[in-house]
Amino acid sequence: MDISQYIKEVYDGKPDWFVEECNKVSISQRVQKILDIKEYLNGRHAINQRPNEMFNGKRYETRKITLQYAKTILNFQTSYLLKNPVSLSGDETVVGEYKKVYNKGKFHRIDHSILDKMVKYGEGWEYLYFDEKRNIKSKLINPEEVVPVYNDEGKLIAVIQNYMVDAIDYYVVYTPDTVEKYDNNGGELRLVDRKPNISGLPICYINQNEVSDLYGRSDLEDIISILDNLEDLISKATDGYYKYITGIPVAIGQQLKGDGLPKDVVGGGLTLDDGADFKFVHNQFDHKAFETLYKHLLQSLLDISNTPAVSMNKTDISNLSEVSIQMLFSLADLKASLNAKYLEKGFEKRFEAIRRMLKYKGITFSDDEFDTLSVVFVPSTPKNEKEIIENLEKLQGMGAISLESVVEQIPYIHDKVQELERIKAERNVNMVEDNQSGNNVDDDKKSEL
């Protein structure tokens, strides 16, 4: 079923079918979940709804301590995988053309933003287009604005972008052939623009969702309950600690003179009868129990989010070997490999779209050349760079590794293809200089003769 059949069967061919599609209950629930995540990351936590209390006859404003661990953890997952930009690998001709597209379109920045949205909201969307200079560019679409349309086989057949500006609804309808823009400025729905769709439907990047293959799931959903409990624990413990300090003044026995306890005991004095006593009585604050609960919750947070404790300054380290560092970051590497797999699925569709767009510029590749194209991720795992270089030097000296493999493994090089081209160019220059110096030596010998 294509989009035309879908409109005919589901909406009886209505021209404004996309409005009803955007108003579906399932779509509204999905959009609201994304907006709730945005509000949470912006600082609106459950602890902020904690009610105030009455203490000592007065209204007591309870502590509402927010911990923005979520942003730190999610940003770590993104930066750990894409702090070093991805490298393109494959046939030199194909990689050369795609590198030009990547450099002009600043796709490395786009990749970082896509992964950021994918870990935060479960999905990221981009659309490729030609700018006024016929350069291939990428436009990111906010996940809460996207309404994907799937047929009965789970195939994406259209995408609707719906957003509001100044009380005016805008609809951008992407089909395999056209891109149409509508708005209701003036009170009635109208067609504003229609263009041919050169790159195809917007590209979807989604992570794993156990209950759906069509929509992703935010990584925040796995840790938000732990974060809520951490905030609740530390807020209530702080309140309890201050109440513990205040205490209740208790006098035992008879006071010799005065009119009872002074309102301000601090700085004053009491004269008590023989055998009388005065003290502050307060609740016992079990700091050991608090410390145990807090550490357990925090460790659970790090374990479930696959975040190494050392990256959050929760572990003291010194004199660690390369193997020990790899073990500390094993969970982070596992999470990075999963995120890389989700990105690669989207990158494959991006490569197909770029290939289709390059044909309009007269640049074509054979299927065999195109199939060699792939991406190489370089996670920012701490490494003993000196040890790596020494091992590579030994392997190359033994003839057990090629120059290309050496360049791939050197931690200071992120663009393997460009570095190999530079090495080749330098060698050619050196060969020319050697040949010229050799000719000069022969001429001198001839003159001497």
Protein backbone atom coordinates (compact mmCIF):
# COMPACT_ATOMS: atom_id res chain seq x y z
CA MET A 1 0.00 0.00 0.00
CA ASP A 2 1.44 3.36 -1.06
CA ILE A 3 0.41 6.78 0.22
CA SER A 4 -2.26 7.35 -2.42
CA GLN A 5 -3.97 4.04 -1.56
CA TYR A 6 -3.65 4.83 2.15
CA ILE A 7 -5.40 8.20 1.72
CA LYS A 8 -8.12 6.63 -0.39
CA GLU A 9 -8.85 3.68 1.92
CA VAL A 10 -8.41 5.36 5.32
CA TYR A 11 -9.65 8.91 4.63
CA ASP A 12 -11.82 8.45 1.49
CA GLY A 13 -9.41 10.60 -0.51
CA LYS A 14 -9.87 13.75 1.61
CA PRO A 15 -7.40 16.48 0.59
CA ASP A 16 -6.89 17.48 4.25
CA TRP A 17 -6.24 13.89 5.41
CA PHE A 18 -3.00 14.89 7.14
CA VAL A 19 -4.88 17.06 9.66
CA GLU A 20 -6.85 14.05 10.91
CA GLU A 21 -3.66 11.95 10.90
CA CYS A 22 -1.96 14.44 13.22
CA ASN A 23 -4.97 14.41 15.58
CA LYS A 24 -4.88 10.67 16.26
CA VAL A 25 -4.85 9.74 19.95
CA SER A 26 -1.74 7.58 19.58
CA ILE A 27 0.12 10.46 17.93
CA SER A 28 -0.95 12.90 20.67
CA GLN A 29 0.25 10.49 23.37
CA ARG A 30 3.61 10.05 21.67
CA VAL A 31 4.09 13.80 21.24
CA GLN A 32 3.12 14.45 24.87
CA LYS A 33 5.68 11.90 26.08
CA ILE A 34 8.43 13.69 24.13
CA LEU A 35 7.33 17.06 25.52
CA ASP A 36 7.36 15.62 29.06
CA ILE A 37 10.95 14.46 28.54
CA LYS A 38 11.91 17.93 27.34
CA GLU A 39 10.33 19.48 30.41
CA TYR A 40 12.19 17.07 32.66
CA LEU A 41 15.54 17.82 31.04
CA ASN A 42 14.74 21.50 31.42
CA GLY A 43 14.42 21.06 35.20
CA ARG A 44 10.77 20.21 35.85
CA HIS A 45 11.12 17.18 38.13
CA ALA A 46 8.65 15.31 40.33
CA ILE A 47 10.37 16.65 43.47
CA ASN A 48 9.22 20.14 42.53
CA GLN A 49 5.65 19.05 43.30
CA ARG A 50 6.51 18.13 46.89
CA PRO A 51 4.07 19.96 49.21
CA ASN A 52 5.14 22.22 52.07
CA GLU A 53 4.64 21.14 55.72
CA MET A 54 3.78 22.56 59.14
CA PHE A 55 6.66 22.52 61.64
CA ASN A 56 6.73 24.05 65.11
CA GLY A 57 3.41 25.74 64.42
CA LYS A 58 4.64 27.48 61.30
CA ARG A 59 4.54 26.77 57.59
CA TYR A 60 7.77 25.07 56.60
CA GLU A 61 8.93 25.25 52.99
CA THR A 62 10.35 21.83 52.20
CA ARG A 63 13.55 21.30 50.29
CA LYS A 64 13.15 20.51 46.60
CA ILE A 65 16.63 19.53 45.45
CA THR A 66 16.91 18.63 41.76
CA LEU A 67 19.76 16.50 40.45
CA GLN A 68 20.45 16.96 36.75
CA TYR A 69 22.26 13.64 36.45
CA ALA A 70 20.08 12.76 33.45
CA LYS A 71 21.58 15.45 31.22
CA THR A 72 25.11 14.47 32.29
CA ILE A 73 24.52 10.77 31.56
CA LEU A 74 22.79 11.32 28.21
CA ASN A 75 25.42 13.83 27.10
CA PHE A 76 28.13 11.34 28.07
CA GLN A 77 26.57 8.65 25.86
CA THR A 78 26.51 11.01 22.90
CA SER A 79 29.99 12.45 23.35
CA TYR A 80 31.57 9.08 24.15
CA LEU A 81 30.66 7.73 20.72
CA LEU A 82 30.88 10.88 18.57
CA LYS A 83 33.45 13.10 20.27
CA ASN A 84 35.73 11.91 17.45
CA PRO A 85 33.84 12.33 14.14
CA VAL A 86 33.04 9.20 12.18
CA SER A 87 35.34 8.28 9.30
CA LEU A 88 34.19 7.07 5.90
CA SER A 89 35.77 3.93 4.51
CA GLY A 90 35.52 2.19 1.15
CA ASP A 91 36.38 2.79 -2.50
CA GLU A 92 38.56 5.91 -2.86
CA THR A 93 36.34 7.45 -5.54
CA VAL A 94 33.15 7.00 -3.54
CA VAL A 95 34.71 8.11 -0.26
CA GLY A 96 36.19 11.18 -1.95
CA GLU A 97 32.81 12.37 -3.22
CA TYR A 98 31.03 11.64 0.04
CA LYS A 99 33.72 13.47 1.98
CA LYS A 100 33.04 16.57 -0.10
CA VAL A 101 29.33 16.28 0.72
CA TYR A 102 30.07 15.76 4.43
CA ASN A 103 32.45 18.69 4.63
CA LYS A 104 30.19 21.15 2.81
CA GLY A 105 27.08 20.01 4.67
CA LYS A 106 28.77 19.87 8.11
CA PHE A 107 27.36 16.38 8.58
CA HIS A 108 29.62 15.65 11.54
CA ARG A 109 27.70 18.22 13.58
CA ILE A 110 24.44 16.77 12.31
CA ASP A 111 25.50 13.28 13.44
CA HIS A 112 26.08 14.53 16.98
CA SER A 113 22.65 16.21 17.09
CA ILE A 114 20.93 13.10 15.72
CA LEU A 115 22.45 10.83 18.39
CA ASP A 116 21.63 13.41 21.04
CA LYS A 117 17.94 13.34 20.07
CA MET A 118 17.94 9.56 19.73
CA VAL A 119 19.20 8.89 23.27
CA LYS A 120 16.95 11.59 24.76
CA TYR A 121 13.71 10.97 22.86
CA GLY A 122 14.23 7.58 21.22
CA GLU A 123 14.30 8.92 17.68
CA GLY A 124 15.86 11.51 15.39
CA TRP A 125 14.78 12.70 11.93
CA GLU A 126 16.67 14.40 9.10
CA TYR A 127 15.78 15.50 5.57
CA LEU A 128 18.34 16.01 2.80
CA TYR A 129 17.94 18.80 0.27
CA PHE A 130 19.83 21.01 -2.19
CA ASP A 131 20.61 24.55 -1.06
CA GLU A 132 20.80 27.52 -3.42
CA LYS A 133 24.37 26.54 -4.39
CA ARG A 134 23.33 22.95 -5.11
CA ASN A 135 25.20 21.68 -2.07
CA ILE A 136 23.63 18.74 -0.25
CA LYS A 137 22.48 19.83 3.20
CA SER A 138 20.69 18.14 6.07
CA LYS A 139 17.77 19.58 8.04
CA LEU A 140 16.87 18.11 11.41
CA ILE A 141 13.19 17.82 12.30
CA ASN A 142 12.18 17.98 15.95
CA PRO A 143 10.78 14.58 17.05
CA GLU A 144 7.65 16.13 18.58
CA GLU A 145 6.80 17.69 15.19
CA VAL A 146 7.06 14.43 13.23
CA VAL A 147 4.03 12.30 12.40
CA PRO A 148 5.21 9.22 10.46
CA VAL A 149 2.72 7.35 8.31
CA TYR A 150 3.19 3.58 8.04
CA ASN A 151 1.21 1.15 5.92
CA ASP A 152 -0.11 -2.24 7.03
CA GLU A 153 3.32 -3.81 6.47
CA GLY A 154 5.12 -1.32 8.70
CA LYS A 155 6.72 0.51 5.77
CA LEU A 156 7.15 4.27 5.96
CA ILE A 157 5.08 5.79 3.14
CA ALA A 158 4.86 9.46 4.20
CA VAL A 159 5.98 11.89 6.90
CA ILE A 160 4.07 14.89 8.21
CA GLN A 161 5.78 17.74 10.02
CA ASN A 162 3.27 19.62 12.17
CA TYR A 163 4.13 22.71 14.22
CA MET A 164 2.55 25.96 15.38
CA VAL A 165 3.90 29.52 15.20
CA ASP A 166 1.88 32.53 16.41
CA ALA A 167 -1.33 30.46 16.65
CA ILE A 168 -0.97 29.34 13.02
CA ASP A 169 -0.72 25.60 12.27
CA TYR A 170 1.79 24.53 9.65
CA TYR A 171 1.88 21.17 7.89
CA VAL A 172 4.75 19.95 5.73
CA VAL A 173 3.76 16.72 3.96
CA TYR A 174 6.65 14.59 2.66
CA THR A 175 5.72 11.91 0.14
CA PRO A 176 8.13 9.93 -2.06
CA ASP A 177 7.45 12.31 -4.97
CA THR A 178 6.55 15.72 -3.54
CA VAL A 179 6.96 18.03 -0.56
CA GLU A 180 3.87 20.14 0.14
CA LYS A 181 3.47 22.89 2.73
CA TYR A 182 0.09 23.94 4.13
CA ASP A 183 -1.05 26.41 6.79
CA ASN A 184 -4.34 27.70 8.19
CA ASN A 185 -3.44 31.40 8.15
CA GLY A 186 -6.70 33.28 7.78
CA GLY A 187 -8.75 30.49 9.31
CA GLU A 188 -8.82 28.09 6.36
CA LEU A 189 -6.35 25.43 5.28
CA ARG A 190 -4.43 26.41 2.17
CA LEU A 191 -1.59 25.07 0.04
CA VAL A 192 1.44 27.36 0.34
CA ASP A 193 4.13 25.54 -1.64
CA ARG A 194 4.75 22.33 -3.59
CA LYS A 195 8.15 21.03 -4.69
CA PRO A 196 9.45 17.76 -6.12
CA ASN A 197 11.04 15.45 -3.57
CA ILE A 198 14.56 14.69 -4.78
CA SER A 199 16.06 12.94 -1.75
CA GLY A 200 13.08 10.81 -0.71
CA LEU A 201 11.34 10.60 2.64
CA PRO A 202 12.98 11.97 5.79
CA ILE A 203 15.42 9.53 7.39
CA CYS A 204 14.48 8.04 10.75
CA TYR A 205 17.03 7.06 13.40
CA ILE A 206 15.47 5.01 16.20
CA ASN A 207 16.89 2.92 19.03
CA GLN A 208 15.53 -0.33 20.40
CA ASN A 209 11.99 -0.54 21.71
CA GLU A 210 10.76 -3.89 23.01
CA VAL A 211 7.11 -3.15 22.25
CA SER A 212 7.44 -1.44 18.85
CA ASP A 213 9.64 -1.67 15.77
CA LEU A 214 8.37 1.67 14.44
CA TYR A 215 9.12 4.01 17.35
CA GLY A 216 12.15 4.33 19.59
CA ARG A 217 12.31 4.58 23.37
CA SER A 218 14.10 7.24 25.39
CA ASP A 219 17.02 6.06 27.53
CA LEU A 220 15.73 8.43 30.19
CA GLU A 221 12.78 6.11 30.87
CA ASP A 222 15.17 3.51 32.33
CA ILE A 223 16.65 5.83 34.94
CA ILE A 224 14.00 8.43 35.75
CA SER A 225 12.52 6.45 38.67
CA ILE A 226 15.97 6.13 40.26
CA LEU A 227 16.59 9.84 39.81
CA ASP A 228 13.22 10.66 41.42
CA ASN A 229 14.12 8.52 44.44
CA LEU A 230 17.56 10.13 44.72
CA GLU A 231 16.01 13.60 44.76
CA ASP A 232 13.32 12.55 47.23
CA LEU A 233 15.89 10.97 49.56
CA ILE A 234 18.32 13.87 49.62
CA SER A 235 15.53 16.49 49.94
CA LYS A 236 13.85 14.74 52.87
CA ALA A 237 17.19 13.96 54.50
CA THR A 238 18.16 17.63 54.31
CA ASP A 239 14.87 18.65 55.92
CA GLY A 240 15.34 16.04 58.64
CA TYR A 241 18.85 17.23 59.33
CA TYR A 242 17.77 20.83 59.88
CA LYS A 243 14.91 19.72 62.10
CA TYR A 244 17.39 17.58 64.01
CA ILE A 245 19.60 20.61 64.63
CA THR A 246 16.70 22.74 65.88
CA GLY A 247 15.46 20.29 68.50
CA ILE A 248 12.88 20.88 71.27
CA PRO A 249 13.98 22.62 74.53
CA VAL A 250 13.00 20.60 77.62
CA ALA A 251 13.36 21.77 81.24
CA ILE A 252 13.22 19.17 84.06
CA GLY A 253 12.63 20.46 87.57
CA GLN A 254 11.92 23.95 88.95
CA GLN A 255 13.35 27.25 87.83
CA LEU A 256 14.48 29.45 90.78
CA LYS A 257 13.63 32.74 89.15
CA GLY A 258 12.32 34.07 85.89
CA ASP A 259 9.10 33.73 83.93
CA GLY A 260 9.80 30.40 82.25
CA LEU A 261 12.02 29.70 79.30
CA PRO A 262 13.22 32.81 77.47
CA LYS A 263 12.16 33.10 73.87
CA ASP A 264 15.78 33.34 72.80
CA VAL A 265 17.67 30.71 74.77
CA VAL A 266 20.92 31.26 72.83
CA GLY A 267 22.92 33.95 74.63
CA GLY A 268 20.67 33.86 77.70
CA GLY A 269 20.88 31.94 80.95
CA LEU A 270 18.69 29.85 83.24
CA THR A 271 18.83 29.45 87.06
CA LEU A 272 17.60 25.98 87.99
CA ASP A 273 16.87 24.34 91.33
CA ASP A 274 19.02 21.54 92.70
CA GLY A 275 18.39 18.36 90.70
CA ALA A 276 16.77 20.21 87.81
CA ASP A 277 18.03 19.86 84.23
CA PHE A 278 17.64 21.56 80.87
CA LYS A 279 18.42 20.08 77.44
CA PHE A 280 17.39 20.01 73.78
CA VAL A 281 15.58 16.86 72.68
CA HIS A 282 15.68 16.01 69.00
CA ASN A 283 15.26 13.13 66.59
CA GLN A 284 18.20 10.91 65.86
CA PHE A 285 19.60 11.39 62.34
CA ASP A 286 20.96 8.10 61.01
CA HIS A 287 23.53 9.35 58.51
CA LYS A 288 24.86 5.83 57.92
CA ALA A 289 21.50 4.65 56.64
CA PHE A 290 21.24 7.72 54.40
CA GLU A 291 24.73 7.17 53.02
CA THR A 292 24.02 3.51 52.29
CA LEU A 293 20.73 4.23 50.50
CA TYR A 294 22.16 7.11 48.49
CA LYS A 295 25.23 5.16 47.35
CA HIS A 296 23.11 2.15 46.40
CA LEU A 297 20.73 4.27 44.33
CA LEU A 298 23.59 6.12 42.65
CA GLN A 299 25.39 2.89 41.77
CA SER A 300 22.17 1.48 40.34
CA LEU A 301 21.83 4.63 38.24
CA LEU A 302 25.32 4.20 36.81
CA ASP A 303 24.86 0.46 36.19
CA ILE A 304 21.53 0.77 34.37
CA SER A 305 22.68 3.72 32.24
CA ASN A 306 25.97 1.93 31.33
CA THR A 307 27.96 4.88 32.66
CA PRO A 308 31.41 4.15 34.15
CA ALA A 309 31.72 5.48 37.68
CA VAL A 310 35.15 6.90 36.91
CA SER A 311 33.64 9.27 34.34
CA MET A 312 31.35 10.71 37.05
CA ASN A 313 34.21 11.16 39.56
CA LYS A 314 32.80 8.38 41.75
CA THR A 315 35.92 6.20 41.79
CA ASP A 316 39.52 6.92 42.70
CA ILE A 317 41.98 5.56 40.15
CA SER A 318 45.75 5.49 39.85
CA ASN A 319 48.37 3.55 37.93
CA LEU A 320 45.89 1.62 35.81
CA SER A 321 47.00 -0.55 32.92
CA GLU A 322 45.41 -0.55 29.47
CA VAL A 323 43.42 -3.67 30.31
CA SER A 324 42.10 -2.15 33.55
CA ILE A 325 40.91 0.96 31.72
CA GLN A 326 39.11 -1.18 29.14
CA MET A 327 37.37 -3.09 31.92
CA LEU A 328 36.23 0.14 33.58
CA PHE A 329 34.70 1.34 30.30
CA SER A 330 33.33 -2.05 29.17
CA LEU A 331 29.69 -1.07 29.82
CA ALA A 332 30.20 2.27 28.07
CA ASP A 333 31.68 0.45 25.07
CA LEU A 334 28.69 -1.89 25.02
CA LYS A 335 26.25 1.02 24.98
CA ALA A 336 28.32 2.82 22.33
CA SER A 337 28.26 -0.26 20.08
CA LEU A 338 24.46 -0.40 20.30
CA ASN A 339 24.12 3.30 19.49
CA ALA A 340 26.53 2.84 16.58
CA LYS A 341 24.34 0.04 15.23
CA TYR A 342 21.23 2.24 15.37
CA LEU A 343 23.08 5.09 13.62
CA GLU A 344 24.40 2.80 10.90
CA LYS A 345 20.85 1.82 9.93
CA GLY A 346 20.06 5.48 9.34
CA PHE A 347 23.40 6.15 7.66
CA GLU A 348 22.64 3.46 5.08
CA LYS A 349 19.47 5.34 4.09
CA ARG A 350 21.40 8.62 4.09
CA PHE A 351 24.02 7.15 1.74
CA GLU A 352 21.29 6.01 -0.64
CA ALA A 353 19.70 9.47 -0.59
CA ILE A 354 23.05 11.19 -1.24
CA ARG A 355 23.77 8.79 -4.11
CA ARG A 356 20.37 9.63 -5.62
CA MET A 357 21.06 13.36 -5.28
CA LEU A 358 24.58 13.09 -6.72
CA LYS A 359 23.09 11.64 -9.91
CA TYR A 360 21.42 15.02 -10.52
CA LYS A 361 24.94 16.49 -10.52
CA GLY A 362 26.23 13.88 -12.98
CA ILE A 363 28.17 11.86 -10.36
CA THR A 364 27.46 8.14 -10.42
CA PHE A 365 28.94 4.97 -8.92
CA SER A 366 28.60 1.31 -9.72
CA ASP A 367 26.84 -0.93 -7.23
CA ASP A 368 30.10 -2.68 -6.37
CA GLU A 369 31.82 0.64 -5.63
CA PHE A 370 28.91 1.94 -3.58
CA ASP A 371 28.60 -1.25 -1.52
CA THR A 372 32.13 -0.72 -0.15
CA LEU A 373 31.06 2.50 1.61
CA SER A 374 30.89 2.24 5.40
CA VAL A 375 31.51 4.31 8.54
CA VAL A 376 34.10 3.82 11.26
CA PHE A 377 33.34 4.95 14.81
CA VAL A 378 36.13 5.93 17.20
CA PRO A 379 34.77 6.01 20.79
CA SER A 380 36.68 8.26 23.16
CA THR A 381 37.90 5.49 25.47
CA PRO A 382 40.98 6.54 27.47
CA LYS A 383 44.00 4.75 26.01
CA ASN A 384 47.72 4.49 26.54
CA GLU A 385 48.64 6.18 23.27
CA LYS A 386 52.38 5.65 23.69
CA GLU A 387 51.90 1.91 24.09
CA ILE A 388 49.63 1.72 21.04
CA ILE A 389 52.13 3.55 18.82
CA GLU A 390 55.01 1.37 20.00
CA ASN A 391 53.03 -1.81 19.22
CA LEU A 392 52.10 -0.50 15.77
CA GLU A 393 55.73 0.37 15.07
CA LYS A 394 56.82 -3.16 15.97
CA LEU A 395 54.11 -4.76 13.85
CA GLN A 396 54.98 -2.64 10.83
CA GLY A 397 58.67 -3.40 11.29
CA MET A 398 57.81 -7.11 11.21
CA GLY A 399 55.78 -6.61 8.04
CA ALA A 400 52.71 -7.94 9.85
CA ILE A 401 50.51 -4.89 9.24
CA SER A 402 49.85 -2.53 6.35
CA LEU A 403 50.28 1.24 6.39
CA GLU A 404 46.52 1.68 6.01
CA SER A 405 45.86 -0.44 9.11
CA VAL A 406 48.48 1.54 11.04
CA VAL A 407 46.81 4.82 10.12
CA GLU A 408 43.42 3.43 11.21
CA GLN A 409 44.73 2.58 14.69
CA ILE A 410 46.78 5.70 15.46
CA PRO A 411 44.79 7.70 18.06
CA TYR A 412 45.85 11.07 16.64
CA ILE A 413 44.30 10.42 13.21
CA HIS A 414 40.53 10.62 12.71
CA ASP A 415 40.38 10.86 8.90
CA LYS A 416 42.16 7.81 7.53
CA VAL A 417 41.56 8.57 3.84
CA GLN A 418 42.85 12.13 4.03
CA GLU A 419 45.94 11.07 5.96
CA LEU A 420 46.79 8.37 3.42
CA GLU A 421 46.44 10.94 0.62
CA ARG A 422 48.84 13.27 2.45
CA ILE A 423 51.36 10.49 2.95
CA LYS A 424 51.15 9.58 -0.74
CA ALA A 425 51.58 13.22 -1.79
CA GLU A 426 54.63 13.68 0.46
CA ARG A 427 56.24 10.54 -0.93
CA ASN A 428 55.71 11.75 -4.49
CA VAL A 429 57.32 15.10 -3.62
CA ASN A 430 60.28 13.37 -2.01
CA MET A 431 60.75 11.13 -5.04
CA VAL A 432 60.77 14.15 -7.37
CA GLU A 433 63.31 15.94 -5.18
CA ASP A 434 65.51 12.84 -5.05
CA ASN A 435 65.41 12.51 -8.83
CA GLN A 436 66.29 16.18 -9.30
CA SER A 437 69.21 15.98 -6.87
CA GLY A 438 70.44 12.87 -8.66
CA ASN A 439 70.39 14.69 -12.03
CA ASN A 440 72.31 17.61 -10.55
CA VAL A 441 75.03 15.26 -9.31
CA ASP A 442 75.40 13.72 -12.78
CA ASP A 443 75.72 17.20 -14.37
CA ASP A 444 78.51 18.14 -11.94
CA LYS A 445 80.39 14.98 -12.75
CA LYS A 446 80.05 15.69 -16.47
CA SER A 447 81.45 19.22 -16.02
CA GLU A 448 84.42 17.88 -14.10
CA LEU A 449 85.19 15.48 -16.90
